[in-house]
Amino acid sequence: MTADQLAQEFAEHRPVLVGAAYRVVGSVSDAEDVVQEAWLRWSAIEHDDIRDVRAYLIRITTRLALNRLREQKARREQYVGPWLPEPISPLESPDDPAAAVELADSVSMAMLVVLETLSPLERATFVLREVFDVPYDEIAETLGRSEAAVRQLAHRARGHVHARQPRHHVDKARHDEVTLRFMQAAGSGDFDQVVALLAPDAVLISDGGGKKRAALRPIEGAEKIARWLFGVLAGNPGFEIRMATLNDERAFIAYYDDEPDTVTFLRTSEGLITELYLLRNPDKLGAVPPRHTLEP
């Protein structure tokens, strides 16, 4: 196989590989680095005995992503305040290495936050088994564990993820409606309506990375959350708030001129907002579309 053929075959699978790495590391830039390393591995080996190229590349990529996740640990320990995964936009340019073919079907921000609570091995196992349906024996070979150990990892990961899911199915249209009403209430300064849309025990988690104002700990309770949000809005009167699709769900974005300043994801249950995730660290907003690209 020629070098051009190798590159073309890898390029066909690249969106899937970026999606696999992103689900493990929660960072667009790290996912791209992992896939680039997977390409270097792929281009340097013999390919005659590889029967299923897609499965092989997913396994390589997930193993490399697991290594990157472990390397992130030191950075996370030094991070200021809560750490949230980076949002990814389906509106990225097709020339982008993380072109959105696969990532448009990526997991929600709420799911990524849950995956952050798993151990690295549990997370890699969950992604391989639940997202890509890789057989247990192949996962065991990928992770260097016995098949019995991998089955146990998968069982623990599924149990933990399912325990964090809403008790009732959340209708996407209803979720989007609540998101829009909340955005309108916040944008118009309607404190009472914002409180009414929040569950009494709602939780807000904000990620400023020490570079933007953010709560260093989760904020609990509808009124406390509303007061904090309106404090941020009062300090930034130039915000223009718009809706967009990120991580395959509706989110709202506060813009200064053309650049995103804050991205907010909501989790809802029975018509009320139970969790809010605010990303304000500018280093994590590179995949968020500029304002001028959004529909009016």
Protein backbone atom coordinates (compact mmCIF):
# COMPACT_ATOMS: atom_id res chain seq x y z
CA MET A 1 0.00 0.00 0.00
CA THR A 2 1.42 3.39 -1.01
CA ALA A 3 1.83 6.31 1.36
CA ASP A 4 -1.05 8.14 -0.36
CA GLN A 5 -3.32 5.11 0.02
CA LEU A 6 -2.42 4.84 3.71
CA ALA A 7 -3.20 8.51 4.25
CA GLN A 8 -6.50 8.27 2.39
CA GLU A 9 -7.60 5.20 4.37
CA PHE A 10 -6.73 6.89 7.65
CA ALA A 11 -8.51 10.10 6.63
CA GLU A 12 -11.72 8.13 6.02
CA HIS A 13 -11.73 7.04 9.67
CA ARG A 14 -10.38 10.24 11.19
CA PRO A 15 -13.73 11.76 12.30
CA VAL A 16 -14.59 8.54 14.15
CA LEU A 17 -11.17 8.49 15.79
CA VAL A 18 -11.44 12.12 16.91
CA GLY A 19 -14.86 11.24 18.37
CA ALA A 20 -13.40 8.28 20.27
CA ALA A 21 -10.47 10.30 21.65
CA TYR A 22 -12.70 13.26 22.56
CA ARG A 23 -15.02 11.04 24.58
CA VAL A 24 -12.05 9.77 26.57
CA VAL A 25 -10.07 12.98 27.14
CA GLY A 26 -12.83 15.63 27.02
CA SER A 27 -10.59 18.06 25.14
CA VAL A 28 -10.67 18.90 21.44
CA SER A 29 -6.98 19.81 21.21
CA ASP A 30 -5.90 16.70 23.13
CA ALA A 31 -8.15 14.54 20.94
CA GLU A 32 -6.53 15.96 17.81
CA ASP A 33 -3.05 15.32 19.25
CA VAL A 34 -4.02 11.73 20.07
CA VAL A 35 -5.29 11.10 16.54
CA GLN A 36 -2.12 12.58 15.07
CA GLU A 37 -0.10 10.15 17.19
CA ALA A 38 -2.36 7.31 16.02
CA TRP A 39 -1.57 8.31 12.44
CA LEU A 40 2.17 8.13 13.13
CA ARG A 41 1.71 4.63 14.56
CA TRP A 42 -0.50 3.58 11.65
CA SER A 43 1.94 4.84 9.03
CA ALA A 44 4.87 2.95 10.58
CA ILE A 45 3.45 -0.59 10.83
CA GLU A 46 2.73 -3.49 8.48
CA HIS A 47 -0.92 -3.63 7.45
CA ASP A 48 -1.28 -6.99 5.72
CA ASP A 49 -2.67 -8.82 8.78
CA ILE A 50 -5.17 -6.12 9.80
CA ARG A 51 -8.66 -7.33 8.84
CA ASP A 52 -10.84 -4.58 10.32
CA VAL A 53 -9.08 -1.26 9.89
CA ARG A 54 -11.75 0.81 11.67
CA ALA A 55 -11.76 -1.41 14.77
CA TYR A 56 -7.96 -1.51 14.84
CA LEU A 57 -7.65 2.26 14.63
CA ILE A 58 -10.30 2.84 17.29
CA ARG A 59 -8.42 0.54 19.64
CA ILE A 60 -5.08 2.29 19.01
CA THR A 61 -6.66 5.71 19.43
CA THR A 62 -8.45 4.78 22.67
CA ARG A 63 -5.26 3.36 24.16
CA LEU A 64 -3.37 6.55 23.28
CA ALA A 65 -6.24 8.66 24.64
CA LEU A 66 -6.09 6.69 27.89
CA ASN A 67 -2.40 7.55 28.18
CA ARG A 68 -3.19 11.22 27.52
CA LEU A 69 -5.94 11.17 30.14
CA ARG A 70 -3.46 9.91 32.72
CA GLU A 71 -1.01 12.65 31.72
CA GLN A 72 -3.76 15.24 32.26
CA LYS A 73 -3.96 14.33 35.94
CA ALA A 74 -1.12 16.64 36.98
CA ARG A 75 -2.65 19.55 35.03
CA ARG A 76 -6.04 18.93 36.59
CA GLU A 77 -4.56 19.03 40.10
CA GLN A 78 -3.19 22.53 39.41
CA TYR A 79 -6.38 23.79 37.75
CA VAL A 80 -8.20 26.72 39.37
CA GLY A 81 -11.78 25.75 40.26
CA PRO A 82 -13.91 23.02 38.67
CA TRP A 83 -12.75 21.45 35.40
CA LEU A 84 -15.36 20.96 32.68
CA PRO A 85 -14.90 19.29 29.27
CA GLU A 86 -14.49 21.49 26.21
CA PRO A 87 -17.57 22.02 24.03
CA ILE A 88 -17.43 20.92 20.41
CA SER A 89 -19.40 22.52 17.61
CA PRO A 90 -20.89 20.82 14.53
CA LEU A 91 -20.28 24.10 12.70
CA GLU A 92 -16.53 23.65 12.49
CA SER A 93 -14.91 24.10 9.10
CA PRO A 94 -14.59 20.88 7.06
CA ASP A 95 -10.87 21.66 6.88
CA ASP A 96 -10.62 21.28 10.66
CA PRO A 97 -8.97 18.00 11.80
CA ALA A 98 -11.91 17.50 14.15
CA ALA A 99 -14.45 17.97 11.34
CA ALA A 100 -17.82 17.43 12.79
CA VAL A 101 -19.06 14.34 10.93
CA GLU A 102 -18.66 12.09 13.95
CA LEU A 103 -18.60 14.73 16.67
CA ALA A 104 -22.04 16.00 15.70
CA ASP A 105 -23.27 12.78 17.29
CA SER A 106 -21.04 13.25 20.32
CA VAL A 107 -22.16 12.73 23.88
CA SER A 108 -23.86 15.56 25.74
CA MET A 109 -22.03 17.82 28.15
CA ALA A 110 -23.91 16.16 31.03
CA MET A 111 -22.65 12.74 29.91
CA LEU A 112 -19.08 14.01 29.55
CA VAL A 113 -19.27 15.38 33.09
CA VAL A 114 -20.38 11.93 34.30
CA LEU A 115 -17.55 10.26 32.38
CA GLU A 116 -15.12 12.58 34.21
CA THR A 117 -16.05 10.80 37.45
CA LEU A 118 -15.00 7.37 36.14
CA SER A 119 -11.50 6.00 36.51
CA PRO A 120 -9.42 6.20 33.30
CA LEU A 121 -9.79 2.45 32.69
CA GLU A 122 -13.54 2.57 33.33
CA ARG A 123 -13.92 5.49 30.95
CA ALA A 124 -11.95 3.84 28.15
CA THR A 125 -13.89 0.60 28.63
CA PHE A 126 -17.22 2.44 28.57
CA VAL A 127 -16.34 4.28 25.35
CA LEU A 128 -15.11 1.14 23.60
CA ARG A 129 -18.02 -1.04 24.69
CA GLU A 130 -21.02 1.30 24.87
CA VAL A 131 -20.19 3.69 22.03
CA PHE A 132 -18.32 1.47 19.56
CA ASP A 133 -19.52 -2.01 20.63
CA VAL A 134 -16.00 -3.45 20.73
CA PRO A 135 -15.98 -7.10 21.95
CA TYR A 136 -14.73 -7.70 25.48
CA ASP A 137 -11.75 -9.79 24.35
CA GLU A 138 -10.53 -6.97 22.09
CA ILE A 139 -10.98 -4.40 24.85
CA ALA A 140 -8.96 -6.65 27.15
CA GLU A 141 -6.15 -6.80 24.58
CA THR A 142 -6.30 -3.02 24.07
CA LEU A 143 -6.11 -2.22 27.79
CA GLY A 144 -3.75 -5.03 28.80
CA ARG A 145 -6.27 -6.54 31.23
CA SER A 146 -8.02 -9.89 31.46
CA GLU A 147 -11.44 -10.26 29.88
CA ALA A 148 -12.95 -10.87 33.32
CA ALA A 149 -11.42 -7.63 34.61
CA VAL A 150 -12.74 -5.72 31.59
CA ARG A 151 -16.26 -7.08 32.11
CA GLN A 152 -16.09 -5.86 35.71
CA LEU A 153 -14.86 -2.43 34.57
CA ALA A 154 -17.74 -2.22 32.10
CA HIS A 155 -20.26 -3.25 34.76
CA ARG A 156 -19.01 -0.59 37.22
CA ALA A 157 -18.92 2.11 34.53
CA ARG A 158 -22.45 1.35 33.31
CA GLY A 159 -23.79 1.31 36.85
CA HIS A 160 -22.20 4.65 37.65
CA VAL A 161 -23.39 6.29 34.42
CA HIS A 162 -26.94 4.97 34.73
CA ALA A 163 -27.15 6.15 38.35
CA ARG A 164 -26.47 9.72 37.15
CA GLN A 165 -29.10 9.68 34.40
CA PRO A 166 -32.47 11.43 34.87
CA ARG A 167 -35.15 9.17 36.35
CA HIS A 168 -37.52 10.11 33.52
CA HIS A 169 -36.88 10.39 29.80
CA VAL A 170 -36.12 13.99 28.83
CA ASP A 171 -37.90 15.00 25.63
CA LYS A 172 -35.46 16.92 23.42
CA ALA A 173 -38.09 19.42 22.29
CA ARG A 174 -39.10 20.09 25.90
CA HIS A 175 -35.46 20.49 26.89
CA ASP A 176 -34.89 22.99 24.09
CA GLU A 177 -38.04 24.89 25.11
CA VAL A 178 -36.86 25.20 28.72
CA THR A 179 -33.41 26.27 27.51
CA LEU A 180 -34.93 29.02 25.35
CA ARG A 181 -37.23 30.26 28.14
CA PHE A 182 -34.31 30.37 30.56
CA MET A 183 -32.15 32.29 28.09
CA GLN A 184 -34.93 34.81 27.49
CA ALA A 185 -35.58 35.25 31.21
CA ALA A 186 -31.91 35.74 32.00
CA GLY A 187 -31.43 38.12 29.07
CA SER A 188 -34.42 40.27 30.08
CA GLY A 189 -33.41 40.41 33.76
CA ASP A 190 -36.47 38.48 34.99
CA PHE A 191 -35.11 37.16 38.29
CA ASP A 192 -38.37 35.50 39.40
CA GLN A 193 -38.79 33.64 36.11
CA VAL A 194 -35.20 32.36 36.26
CA VAL A 195 -35.81 31.05 39.79
CA ALA A 196 -39.09 29.46 38.67
CA LEU A 197 -37.32 27.53 35.91
CA LEU A 198 -34.71 26.14 38.31
CA ALA A 199 -35.31 23.07 40.45
CA PRO A 200 -35.06 23.96 44.18
CA ASP A 201 -31.94 21.79 44.51
CA ALA A 202 -30.38 22.81 41.18
CA VAL A 203 -26.57 22.90 40.94
CA LEU A 204 -24.38 25.27 38.91
CA ILE A 205 -20.80 24.38 38.00
CA SER A 206 -18.65 27.02 36.31
CA ASP A 207 -15.21 26.71 34.74
CA GLY A 208 -13.14 29.88 34.39
CA GLY A 209 -9.73 28.26 34.75
CA GLY A 210 -8.55 31.25 36.79
CA LYS A 211 -8.89 33.45 33.70
CA LYS A 212 -12.53 34.54 33.99
CA ARG A 213 -14.86 35.05 36.92
CA ALA A 214 -16.28 31.68 37.99
CA ALA A 215 -17.43 30.03 41.20
CA LEU A 216 -14.61 28.02 42.75
CA ARG A 217 -17.15 25.53 44.08
CA PRO A 218 -20.54 24.33 42.84
CA ILE A 219 -23.44 26.64 43.70
CA GLU A 220 -26.55 24.92 45.03
CA GLY A 221 -30.12 26.22 45.24
CA ALA A 222 -32.30 28.15 42.77
CA GLU A 223 -32.04 31.62 44.34
CA LYS A 224 -28.28 31.40 44.97
CA ILE A 225 -27.76 30.38 41.35
CA ALA A 226 -29.97 33.20 40.06
CA ARG A 227 -28.16 35.80 42.16
CA TRP A 228 -24.76 34.59 40.93
CA LEU A 229 -25.88 34.57 37.29
CA PHE A 230 -27.33 38.08 37.47
CA GLY A 231 -24.14 39.24 39.15
CA VAL A 232 -22.14 37.99 36.15
CA LEU A 233 -24.58 39.60 33.71
CA ALA A 234 -24.49 42.91 35.60
CA GLY A 235 -20.71 42.95 35.32
CA ASN A 236 -20.86 42.31 31.58
CA PRO A 237 -23.54 44.61 30.11
CA GLY A 238 -22.17 44.15 26.58
CA PHE A 239 -23.15 40.49 26.34
CA GLU A 240 -25.26 39.35 23.40
CA ILE A 241 -26.84 35.97 24.14
CA ARG A 242 -27.49 33.52 21.29
CA MET A 243 -28.57 29.90 20.96
CA ALA A 244 -26.44 27.30 19.15
CA THR A 245 -25.98 23.55 18.89
CA LEU A 246 -22.91 22.27 20.72
CA ASN A 247 -22.22 18.66 21.69
CA ASP A 248 -25.39 17.72 19.78
CA GLU A 249 -27.59 19.73 22.16
CA ARG A 250 -28.86 23.27 22.45
CA ALA A 251 -26.73 25.63 24.50
CA PHE A 252 -26.64 29.37 24.87
CA ILE A 253 -23.60 31.49 24.26
CA ALA A 254 -22.81 34.94 25.61
CA TYR A 255 -20.80 36.92 23.04
CA TYR A 256 -18.66 40.01 23.31
CA ASP A 257 -18.73 41.40 19.78
CA ASP A 258 -18.03 38.34 17.63
CA GLU A 259 -16.19 36.20 20.19
CA PRO A 260 -17.74 33.74 22.65
CA ASP A 261 -17.27 34.62 26.31
CA THR A 262 -19.46 32.06 28.10
CA VAL A 263 -21.15 28.83 27.01
CA THR A 264 -23.97 27.42 29.15
CA PHE A 265 -25.41 23.91 29.00
CA LEU A 266 -28.52 22.94 30.94
CA ARG A 267 -29.73 19.60 32.21
CA THR A 268 -33.48 19.34 32.73
CA SER A 269 -35.92 16.96 34.36
CA GLU A 270 -39.70 17.22 34.43
CA GLY A 271 -39.60 20.73 32.96
CA LEU A 272 -37.11 22.18 35.46
CA ILE A 273 -33.39 22.84 35.22
CA THR A 274 -31.44 20.58 37.56
CA GLU A 275 -27.84 21.28 36.49
CA LEU A 276 -26.07 24.16 34.76
CA TYR A 277 -22.58 23.95 33.27
CA LEU A 278 -20.88 27.25 32.41
CA LEU A 279 -17.63 27.35 30.49
CA ARG A 280 -15.79 30.68 30.63
CA ASN A 281 -12.14 29.65 30.27
CA PRO A 282 -11.21 31.15 26.86
CA ASP A 283 -8.76 28.29 26.25
CA LYS A 284 -11.74 25.92 26.05
CA LEU A 285 -13.90 27.95 23.66
CA GLY A 286 -11.87 27.56 20.48
CA ALA A 287 -14.42 25.22 18.88
CA VAL A 288 -17.37 27.53 19.61
CA PRO A 289 -18.56 29.33 16.46
CA PRO A 290 -18.14 33.12 16.20
CA ARG A 291 -21.36 35.09 16.41
CA HIS A 292 -21.44 36.08 12.74
CA THR A 293 -21.71 32.42 11.67
CA LEU A 294 -24.98 31.87 13.55
CA GLU A 295 -28.37 32.33 11.98
CA PRO A 296 -30.13 35.59 13.01
